Amino acid sequence: MATPVAPGFRPHYHQLHRVGRPGIWRSLLGSVLLLVLVFALVPLVAGALALVLLLLTGDSMAEASAVLDVTEEVTPAGLALLNLVIASAIPATFLVTWWLHRLKPRWLSSVAPRLRWRYLLVCVGLSVVALLATVGVGLLLPVAPGEAPVGGLNDFTARTRDFLIVILLLTPLQAAGEEYLFRGYLTQAFGSLVWARRLSQALAVLGPALIFALFHGLSQDWPVFFDRFAFGVVAGILVIRTGGLEAAIAMHVLNNFLAFGLALAFGDLTTALNASGPTSWWMIVSTLTQSLVYLALASWVAKAMGLVDAGPPVGGALPPPSTDPVLEGSPPRV
């Protein structure tokens, strides 16, 4: 049974599903539907279309499959396809938010409701500061053989150029897609499961962070898993503290730029993308340094800029949703 929302209720970001069409089942169904869409159906359809396109350009089936299979060797075309597939989470979350909850998609960006571009751009600068802090700490930590880039730069080739174009143009969309899915829809879905304030916040942060880490691969080392889980926790806290996705998107984009940039310059993109090989637990120190520095800076700047962390009262810009007593098992809201 849905709990009616009182007029004047001001939802925080993770509570926004409560002012949509009622029913916890909607949030649960939407979460499963989005994960299946983004990680199963869209890759299947997009991969098939890309395969056909490569076959039409003269590649054999084996050649086309090798180009698109990023688990064996990352190619510019394979990386572009992967980024576009994950970027599809943006329109997918918009569609499910409107269809299941009858909420305008703009409520996924923030409680404003819009993407607050000024804060997003400031957070890009804060991400650079946090990355410099973690690089500085990383230089002081013991490093196992093969974990740090050594030797000279990789040769700059036409393939390197193609990778750079893909990374610069599509990586921001890929990072934003993951944030709209995990810190956007899933945060709102988990936050709507219970009313208790602290428990709702904990579920909204920890649930998406765990799924985010798991969906990066079940074969990843524990330090890598913890690194991604910690990223999800910090991003989730920032979403609730600031009332929007801007800080999480900025940090995610800069993280991916750094990871792909270092791999392209000194290492191998296939290894970086698939996180293959053993990883030292010392990386957690660097991760926590970056996360805590960024968390503190982004929270402070959001407060200094006067960003709101709660939406307008129900009955204003957020009208009480209509209900169907027969379907929902609860009286209409006033």
Protein backbone atom coordinates (compact mmCIF):
# COMPACT_ATOMS: atom_id res chain seq x y z
CA MET A 1 0.00 0.00 0.00
CA ALA A 2 1.33 3.43 -0.92
CA THR A 3 1.75 6.04 1.79
CA PRO A 4 0.06 9.32 0.82
CA VAL A 5 2.31 12.34 0.46
CA ALA A 6 1.12 15.34 2.44
CA PRO A 7 0.62 18.63 0.60
CA GLY A 8 3.71 20.78 1.16
CA PHE A 9 6.06 17.78 1.28
CA ARG A 10 9.44 18.80 -0.17
CA PRO A 11 11.16 15.72 -1.61
CA HIS A 12 14.91 15.29 -1.56
CA TYR A 13 16.46 13.85 -4.69
CA HIS A 14 16.22 10.23 -3.55
CA GLN A 15 12.53 10.68 -2.62
CA LEU A 16 11.28 11.96 -5.98
CA HIS A 17 9.58 8.68 -6.93
CA ARG A 18 7.22 9.29 -4.02
CA VAL A 19 5.62 12.21 -5.82
CA GLY A 20 5.16 10.24 -9.02
CA ARG A 21 2.48 7.62 -9.55
CA PRO A 22 2.40 5.59 -6.32
CA GLY A 23 3.52 2.02 -5.89
CA ILE A 24 6.89 0.65 -4.83
CA TRP A 25 6.52 -1.96 -7.54
CA ARG A 26 7.01 0.78 -10.13
CA SER A 27 10.50 1.56 -8.84
CA LEU A 28 11.43 -2.12 -8.66
CA LEU A 29 10.08 -2.86 -12.13
CA GLY A 30 11.75 0.24 -13.57
CA SER A 31 15.12 -0.72 -12.09
CA VAL A 32 15.04 -4.24 -13.55
CA LEU A 33 13.73 -2.95 -16.88
CA LEU A 34 16.51 -0.37 -17.21
CA LEU A 35 19.29 -2.81 -16.33
CA VAL A 36 17.97 -5.29 -18.91
CA LEU A 37 17.59 -2.55 -21.53
CA VAL A 38 21.04 -0.99 -21.07
CA PHE A 39 23.09 -4.13 -20.48
CA ALA A 40 21.24 -6.71 -22.60
CA LEU A 41 18.74 -5.45 -25.16
CA VAL A 42 20.52 -2.29 -26.38
CA PRO A 43 23.93 -4.05 -26.71
CA LEU A 44 22.27 -6.86 -28.64
CA VAL A 45 20.51 -4.54 -31.10
CA ALA A 46 23.39 -2.05 -31.42
CA GLY A 47 25.94 -4.83 -31.78
CA ALA A 48 23.89 -6.49 -34.52
CA LEU A 49 23.56 -3.21 -36.42
CA ALA A 50 27.29 -2.48 -36.09
CA LEU A 51 28.13 -6.01 -37.23
CA VAL A 52 25.93 -5.67 -40.32
CA LEU A 53 27.51 -2.29 -41.11
CA LEU A 54 31.02 -3.75 -40.93
CA LEU A 55 30.01 -6.70 -43.10
CA LEU A 56 28.60 -4.31 -45.70
CA THR A 57 31.91 -2.43 -45.79
CA GLY A 58 33.78 -5.61 -46.72
CA ASP A 59 34.91 -7.12 -43.41
CA SER A 60 34.51 -10.83 -42.85
CA MET A 61 32.44 -12.13 -39.94
CA ALA A 62 35.60 -12.93 -37.98
CA GLU A 63 37.10 -9.49 -38.65
CA ALA A 64 33.89 -7.66 -37.75
CA SER A 65 33.49 -9.64 -34.54
CA ALA A 66 37.09 -8.92 -33.54
CA VAL A 67 36.59 -5.18 -34.11
CA LEU A 68 33.55 -5.06 -31.80
CA ASP A 69 34.74 -7.44 -29.05
CA VAL A 70 36.32 -5.16 -26.43
CA THR A 71 37.07 -8.07 -24.10
CA GLU A 72 39.75 -9.42 -26.45
CA GLU A 73 41.19 -6.22 -27.91
CA VAL A 74 39.76 -2.73 -27.70
CA THR A 75 39.46 -0.96 -31.06
CA PRO A 76 38.22 2.60 -31.70
CA ALA A 77 35.02 1.21 -33.23
CA GLY A 78 34.50 -1.18 -30.32
CA LEU A 79 35.07 1.57 -27.76
CA ALA A 80 32.68 3.89 -29.62
CA LEU A 81 29.99 1.21 -29.65
CA LEU A 82 30.47 0.52 -25.93
CA ASN A 83 30.23 4.23 -25.09
CA LEU A 84 27.09 4.69 -27.19
CA VAL A 85 25.43 1.65 -25.62
CA ILE A 86 26.02 2.98 -22.10
CA ALA A 87 25.02 6.51 -23.17
CA SER A 88 21.66 5.04 -24.18
CA ALA A 89 20.90 4.93 -20.45
CA ILE A 90 20.11 8.66 -20.61
CA PRO A 91 17.07 8.41 -22.92
CA ALA A 92 16.15 5.06 -21.34
CA THR A 93 15.94 6.55 -17.85
CA PHE A 94 13.97 9.50 -19.23
CA LEU A 95 11.47 7.17 -20.87
CA VAL A 96 10.98 4.91 -17.84
CA THR A 97 10.68 7.89 -15.48
CA TRP A 98 7.86 9.34 -17.56
CA TRP A 99 6.16 6.05 -18.43
CA LEU A 100 6.12 4.38 -15.01
CA HIS A 101 6.11 7.39 -12.68
CA ARG A 102 4.60 10.15 -14.80
CA LEU A 103 7.43 12.44 -13.75
CA LYS A 104 9.05 14.76 -16.26
CA PRO A 105 12.54 13.49 -17.17
CA ARG A 106 14.12 16.77 -16.01
CA TRP A 107 13.62 15.60 -12.39
CA LEU A 108 16.37 13.05 -12.99
CA SER A 109 18.95 15.82 -13.44
CA SER A 110 18.30 17.63 -10.16
CA VAL A 111 15.65 19.00 -7.83
CA ALA A 112 15.98 22.34 -9.67
CA PRO A 113 14.68 20.59 -11.96
CA ARG A 114 17.37 20.87 -14.63
CA LEU A 115 21.06 20.24 -15.08
CA ARG A 116 22.80 23.06 -13.21
CA TRP A 117 25.55 23.75 -15.72
CA ARG A 118 27.41 26.36 -13.68
CA TYR A 119 27.85 23.94 -10.78
CA LEU A 120 28.76 21.14 -13.20
CA LEU A 121 31.56 23.21 -14.74
CA VAL A 122 32.87 24.20 -11.30
CA CYS A 123 32.89 20.52 -10.33
CA VAL A 124 35.06 19.72 -13.35
CA GLY A 125 37.71 21.99 -11.82
CA LEU A 126 37.22 20.41 -8.40
CA SER A 127 37.68 16.97 -9.98
CA VAL A 128 41.05 18.07 -11.33
CA VAL A 129 42.09 19.17 -7.84
CA ALA A 130 41.00 15.83 -6.38
CA LEU A 131 42.82 13.91 -9.11
CA LEU A 132 46.01 15.87 -8.48
CA ALA A 133 45.70 15.02 -4.78
CA THR A 134 45.32 11.32 -5.48
CA VAL A 135 48.23 11.34 -7.98
CA GLY A 136 50.40 13.02 -5.35
CA VAL A 137 49.49 10.43 -2.74
CA GLY A 138 49.94 7.63 -5.27
CA LEU A 139 53.54 8.68 -5.91
CA LEU A 140 54.30 8.04 -2.23
CA LEU A 141 52.80 4.55 -2.14
CA PRO A 142 54.62 1.28 -2.83
CA VAL A 143 53.91 0.01 -6.34
CA ALA A 144 54.00 -3.58 -7.49
CA PRO A 145 55.80 -4.40 -10.75
CA GLY A 146 53.61 -3.66 -13.75
CA GLU A 147 51.17 -1.41 -11.89
CA ALA A 148 52.63 1.93 -12.89
CA PRO A 149 53.43 3.23 -16.35
CA VAL A 150 57.13 2.92 -17.05
CA GLY A 151 59.27 3.73 -20.03
CA GLY A 152 58.49 6.18 -22.79
CA LEU A 153 55.28 7.27 -24.39
CA ASN A 154 53.49 4.99 -26.81
CA ASP A 155 53.86 5.94 -30.46
CA PHE A 156 51.21 8.34 -31.75
CA THR A 157 49.53 6.61 -34.69
CA ALA A 158 46.34 6.94 -36.70
CA ARG A 159 44.81 4.43 -34.28
CA THR A 160 45.82 6.64 -31.34
CA ARG A 161 44.15 9.61 -33.07
CA ASP A 162 40.96 7.61 -33.56
CA PHE A 163 40.95 6.57 -29.91
CA LEU A 164 41.39 10.21 -28.83
CA ILE A 165 38.44 11.31 -30.95
CA VAL A 166 36.22 8.59 -29.49
CA ILE A 167 37.32 9.34 -25.91
CA LEU A 168 36.88 13.12 -26.19
CA LEU A 169 33.49 12.96 -27.92
CA LEU A 170 31.81 9.93 -26.39
CA THR A 171 33.33 9.32 -22.95
CA PRO A 172 31.39 12.25 -21.38
CA LEU A 173 28.15 10.74 -22.72
CA GLN A 174 29.12 7.29 -21.41
CA ALA A 175 29.92 8.66 -17.96
CA ALA A 176 26.71 10.70 -17.87
CA GLY A 177 24.75 7.62 -18.95
CA GLU A 178 26.06 5.61 -16.01
CA GLU A 179 25.24 8.46 -13.63
CA TYR A 180 21.68 8.89 -14.91
CA LEU A 181 21.16 5.16 -14.45
CA PHE A 182 22.95 4.38 -11.18
CA ARG A 183 22.96 7.70 -9.30
CA GLY A 184 19.82 8.92 -11.05
CA TYR A 185 17.02 6.41 -11.47
CA LEU A 186 18.36 3.72 -9.12
CA THR A 187 19.00 6.27 -6.36
CA GLN A 188 15.42 7.48 -6.61
CA ALA A 189 14.16 3.90 -6.79
CA PHE A 190 16.04 2.64 -3.70
CA GLY A 191 15.25 5.83 -1.80
CA SER A 192 11.53 5.30 -2.33
CA LEU A 193 11.45 1.84 -0.76
CA VAL A 194 11.18 3.02 2.87
CA TRP A 195 10.14 6.22 4.63
CA ALA A 196 12.62 6.13 7.54
CA ARG A 197 15.02 9.00 6.76
CA ARG A 198 18.38 7.40 7.57
CA LEU A 199 17.46 4.00 6.13
CA SER A 200 16.12 5.60 2.97
CA GLN A 201 19.39 7.52 2.50
CA ALA A 202 21.49 4.41 3.18
CA LEU A 203 19.56 2.33 0.66
CA ALA A 204 19.71 5.13 -1.91
CA VAL A 205 23.51 5.29 -1.63
CA LEU A 206 24.58 1.70 -0.98
CA GLY A 207 22.16 -0.13 -3.28
CA PRO A 208 23.14 1.64 -6.53
CA ALA A 209 26.84 1.63 -5.51
CA LEU A 210 26.79 -2.15 -5.10
CA ILE A 211 25.01 -2.73 -8.42
CA PHE A 212 27.36 -0.24 -10.11
CA ALA A 213 30.42 -2.19 -8.89
CA LEU A 214 28.93 -5.59 -9.78
CA PHE A 215 27.99 -4.54 -13.31
CA HIS A 216 31.63 -3.70 -14.03
CA GLY A 217 32.38 -7.43 -14.07
CA LEU A 218 32.23 -10.39 -11.71
CA SER A 219 35.85 -11.35 -12.44
CA GLN A 220 37.40 -8.09 -11.18
CA ASP A 221 39.87 -8.19 -8.30
CA TRP A 222 38.61 -7.19 -4.85
CA PRO A 223 40.62 -3.94 -4.77
CA VAL A 224 39.10 -2.91 -8.11
CA PHE A 225 35.62 -3.87 -6.92
CA PHE A 226 36.08 -1.85 -3.73
CA ASP A 227 37.42 1.08 -5.75
CA ARG A 228 34.28 1.17 -7.89
CA PHE A 229 32.01 0.60 -4.90
CA ALA A 230 33.67 3.49 -3.03
CA PHE A 231 33.25 5.71 -6.09
CA GLY A 232 29.54 4.83 -6.14
CA VAL A 233 29.16 5.61 -2.44
CA VAL A 234 30.81 9.03 -2.73
CA ALA A 235 28.85 9.88 -5.87
CA GLY A 236 25.61 8.81 -4.18
CA ILE A 237 26.30 10.94 -1.11
CA LEU A 238 27.01 13.93 -3.34
CA VAL A 239 23.76 13.43 -5.25
CA ILE A 240 21.73 13.56 -2.04
CA ARG A 241 23.75 16.39 -0.49
CA THR A 242 23.60 18.60 -3.58
CA GLY A 243 20.21 17.54 -4.92
CA GLY A 244 21.47 16.58 -8.39
CA LEU A 245 23.81 14.60 -10.62
CA GLU A 246 26.25 17.36 -11.57
CA ALA A 247 29.05 16.57 -9.11
CA ALA A 248 28.86 12.84 -9.84
CA ILE A 249 28.95 13.37 -13.62
CA ALA A 250 31.96 15.71 -13.42
CA MET A 251 33.94 13.29 -11.25
CA HIS A 252 33.05 10.32 -13.47
CA VAL A 253 34.06 12.10 -16.69
CA LEU A 254 37.42 13.21 -15.26
CA ASN A 255 38.10 9.73 -13.85
CA ASN A 256 37.51 8.12 -17.21
CA PHE A 257 39.54 10.74 -19.07
CA LEU A 258 42.48 10.10 -16.73
CA ALA A 259 42.20 6.30 -16.91
CA PHE A 260 41.86 6.19 -20.69
CA GLY A 261 44.45 8.92 -21.20
CA LEU A 262 47.11 7.14 -19.15
CA ALA A 263 46.35 3.83 -20.85
CA LEU A 264 46.56 5.42 -24.28
CA ALA A 265 49.81 7.24 -23.48
CA PHE A 266 51.71 4.61 -21.51
CA GLY A 267 49.83 1.33 -21.43
CA ASP A 268 47.07 -0.62 -23.11
CA LEU A 269 43.36 0.26 -23.35
CA THR A 270 42.27 -3.36 -23.33
CA THR A 271 43.93 -3.95 -19.96
CA ALA A 272 42.58 -0.67 -18.56
CA LEU A 273 39.02 -1.28 -19.73
CA ASN A 274 38.81 -4.87 -18.53
CA ALA A 275 40.83 -4.35 -15.33
CA SER A 276 42.73 -7.55 -15.96
CA GLY A 277 45.62 -8.71 -13.81
CA PRO A 278 46.21 -8.55 -10.05
CA THR A 279 45.81 -5.20 -8.31
CA SER A 280 47.35 -4.00 -5.07
CA TRP A 281 45.21 -2.94 -2.10
CA TRP A 282 47.39 0.18 -1.90
CA MET A 283 45.21 1.68 -4.64
CA ILE A 284 42.46 2.07 -2.01
CA VAL A 285 44.52 4.77 -0.28
CA SER A 286 44.60 6.78 -3.51
CA THR A 287 40.91 6.13 -4.08
CA LEU A 288 39.94 7.34 -0.63
CA THR A 289 42.14 10.41 -0.99
CA GLN A 290 40.43 11.42 -4.21
CA SER A 291 36.95 10.59 -2.93
CA LEU A 292 37.23 12.43 0.39
CA VAL A 293 38.90 15.50 -1.11
CA TYR A 294 36.28 15.73 -3.84
CA LEU A 295 33.41 15.06 -1.42
CA ALA A 296 34.54 17.89 0.83
CA LEU A 297 35.17 20.36 -1.99
CA ALA A 298 31.98 19.65 -3.95
CA SER A 299 29.83 19.78 -0.80
CA TRP A 300 31.38 23.08 0.30
CA VAL A 301 31.00 24.69 -3.13
CA ALA A 302 27.37 23.54 -3.41
CA LYS A 303 26.62 25.20 -0.08
CA ALA A 304 28.53 28.34 -1.04
CA MET A 305 26.57 28.58 -4.30
CA GLY A 306 23.30 28.20 -2.44
CA LEU A 307 22.16 25.06 -4.25
CA VAL A 308 18.95 23.56 -2.89
CA ASP A 309 18.90 19.88 -2.00
CA ALA A 310 15.11 19.50 -1.93
CA GLY A 311 12.46 20.06 -4.55
CA PRO A 312 9.53 22.47 -4.42
CA PRO A 313 6.62 21.56 -2.15
CA VAL A 314 4.02 19.12 -3.45
CA GLY A 315 1.12 21.16 -4.73
CA GLY A 316 3.46 23.68 -6.39
CA ALA A 317 5.75 22.64 -9.21
CA LEU A 318 5.22 19.05 -8.06
CA PRO A 319 1.45 18.45 -8.07
CA PRO A 320 0.11 15.43 -6.18
CA PRO A 321 -0.05 12.48 -8.60
CA SER A 322 -3.37 11.00 -9.58
CA THR A 323 -4.00 7.49 -8.30
CA ASP A 324 -6.17 4.60 -9.27
CA PRO A 325 -7.60 3.18 -5.99
CA VAL A 326 -8.40 -0.11 -7.67
CA LEU A 327 -4.87 -0.65 -8.99
CA GLU A 328 -2.90 0.94 -6.17
CA GLY A 329 -4.91 -0.25 -3.15
CA SER A 330 -4.86 3.20 -1.57
CA PRO A 331 -7.15 6.26 -1.51
CA PRO A 332 -6.53 9.11 -3.92
CA ARG A 333 -4.15 11.77 -2.66
CA VAL A 334 -5.39 15.24 -1.98
